[in-house]
Protein backbone atom coordinates (compact mmCIF):
# COMPACT_ATOMS: atom_id res chain seq x y z
CA GLN A 1 35.98 -3.69 63.23
CA VAL A 2 38.25 -5.46 65.23
CA GLN A 3 41.76 -5.98 64.02
CA LEU A 4 44.73 -7.82 65.29
CA VAL A 5 48.17 -6.82 63.95
CA GLU A 6 51.02 -8.98 65.06
CA SER A 7 54.97 -8.27 64.55
CA GLY A 8 58.33 -9.43 65.89
CA GLY A 9 58.81 -12.58 63.64
CA GLY A 10 62.26 -13.51 62.26
CA LEU A 11 65.02 -15.66 61.27
CA MET A 12 66.67 -16.86 64.14
CA GLN A 13 68.85 -20.06 65.50
CA ALA A 14 67.87 -22.74 67.67
CA GLY A 15 68.54 -21.75 71.38
CA ASP A 16 67.50 -17.98 70.45
CA SER A 17 64.60 -15.83 72.13
CA LEU A 18 61.94 -14.00 70.42
CA ARG A 19 59.05 -11.73 71.42
CA LEU A 20 56.12 -11.58 69.35
CA SER A 21 53.71 -8.82 69.70
CA CYS A 22 49.90 -8.26 68.80
CA ALA A 23 48.25 -5.03 68.57
CA ALA A 24 44.42 -5.07 69.15
CA SER A 25 42.21 -2.46 67.73
CA GLY A 26 38.52 -2.08 67.19
CA GLY A 27 37.16 -3.28 70.51
CA ALA A 28 36.89 -2.87 74.29
CA PHE A 29 39.07 -6.01 74.87
CA SER A 30 37.79 -5.90 78.50
CA SER A 31 36.86 -9.37 78.04
CA GLY A 32 37.38 -12.46 76.20
CA THR A 33 40.45 -14.43 75.37
CA MET A 34 43.80 -13.48 73.30
CA GLY A 35 45.30 -16.80 71.80
CA TRP A 36 48.25 -17.32 69.87
CA PHE A 37 48.38 -20.40 67.20
CA ARG A 38 50.94 -21.50 64.94
CA GLN A 39 50.71 -22.98 61.69
CA ALA A 40 53.66 -25.02 59.72
CA PRO A 41 53.69 -26.24 56.07
CA GLY A 42 51.33 -29.00 55.31
CA LYS A 43 50.27 -29.34 59.17
CA GLU A 44 47.49 -28.15 61.06
CA ARG A 45 46.83 -24.74 62.86
CA ALA A 46 47.79 -25.58 66.34
CA PHE A 47 47.74 -23.86 69.81
CA VAL A 48 50.46 -22.42 71.33
CA ALA A 49 49.05 -20.18 74.10
CA ALA A 50 46.16 -18.23 75.68
CA ILE A 51 45.07 -15.49 78.06
CA ARG A 52 41.87 -13.71 78.99
CA TRP A 53 41.94 -9.88 79.32
CA SER A 54 40.70 -10.32 83.08
CA GLY A 55 42.31 -12.53 85.53
CA SER A 56 46.08 -14.01 85.47
CA THR A 57 45.43 -17.59 84.32
CA SER A 58 47.67 -18.36 81.04
CA TYR A 59 47.38 -21.71 78.96
CA TYR A 60 50.08 -23.23 76.74
CA GLY A 61 50.58 -26.10 74.47
CA ASP A 62 52.58 -29.08 75.53
CA SER A 63 55.16 -28.54 72.94
CA VAL A 64 55.78 -24.91 74.32
CA LYS A 65 55.35 -25.03 78.00
CA GLY A 66 58.48 -23.71 79.95
CA ARG A 67 59.83 -22.36 77.11
CA PHE A 68 57.28 -19.71 75.86
CA THR A 69 55.09 -16.78 77.96
CA ILE A 70 52.34 -15.25 77.03
CA SER A 71 51.41 -11.79 78.60
CA ARG A 72 49.12 -8.89 78.02
CA ASP A 73 49.18 -4.87 78.48
CA ASN A 74 45.39 -3.99 78.74
CA ALA A 75 46.09 -0.17 78.64
CA LYS A 76 47.54 -0.73 75.33
CA LYS A 77 45.35 -3.33 74.07
CA MET A 78 48.67 -5.78 73.22
CA VAL A 79 49.38 -9.02 73.94
CA PHE A 80 53.05 -10.71 73.73
CA LEU A 81 54.49 -14.23 73.34
CA GLN A 82 58.04 -14.44 74.77
CA MET A 83 59.77 -17.31 73.41
CA ASN A 84 62.54 -18.92 74.68
CA SER A 85 65.03 -21.92 73.74
CA LEU A 86 63.63 -21.71 70.24
CA LYS A 87 63.60 -24.93 68.55
CA VAL A 88 63.79 -25.97 64.70
CA ASP A 89 60.08 -27.43 65.22
CA ASP A 90 58.82 -24.03 66.14
CA THR A 91 59.35 -22.60 63.18
CA ALA A 92 56.07 -21.48 61.67
CA VAL A 93 53.42 -18.85 61.03
CA TYR A 94 52.28 -17.35 64.22
CA TYR A 95 48.97 -16.05 64.62
CA CYS A 96 47.32 -13.86 67.10
CA ALA A 97 43.79 -14.41 67.48
CA TYR A 98 40.75 -13.05 69.84
CA ASP A 99 37.70 -15.12 70.98
CA LEU A 100 34.63 -12.97 72.13
CA GLY A 101 33.85 -15.58 75.13
CA TYR A 102 36.01 -18.50 76.45
CA ALA A 103 37.36 -20.66 74.12
CA ILE A 104 41.04 -21.45 74.64
CA TRP A 105 42.45 -24.76 72.70
CA SER A 106 40.49 -24.85 69.73
CA TRP A 107 41.24 -22.41 66.61
CA LYS A 108 37.48 -22.83 65.25
CA SER A 109 36.35 -20.91 68.32
CA TYR A 110 38.12 -17.77 67.85
CA ASN A 111 36.43 -15.31 66.27
CA TYR A 112 39.01 -12.83 64.73
CA TRP A 113 42.46 -13.31 63.56
CA GLY A 114 45.67 -11.63 62.57
CA GLN A 115 47.47 -11.56 59.42
CA GLY A 116 50.45 -13.63 61.02
CA THR A 117 54.01 -13.22 61.29
CA GLN A 118 56.56 -16.07 60.06
CA VAL A 119 59.02 -17.24 62.67
CA THR A 120 61.83 -19.35 60.97
CA VAL A 121 64.22 -21.28 63.36
CA SER A 122 67.56 -22.87 62.17
CA SER A 123 69.91 -25.42 63.47
């Protein structure tokens, strides 16, 4: 079955950079969408970025546009989230998600989820 495993979270300072990784297994991953979402305590899960397994278009939430970059390695079935200029407001659990279709923005549309990785940014 499809499994997603995130890694790379940690305790950072404002202004730092961090790269998250998501290793996908149990599927072909030749189509569909990979997304990154985050959830801070007491807040709803929020869209961060997404990319399709085919094509070059990527999508970003307004709060991370220009600071975060999503990328993928099809051969290794991995997706990455490069996070630059981290802010305290970026503190959250970050989740990798996979949708078999064309979901982008809504977390409710994604079929599979990883367990999440904590990112904490201090001032």
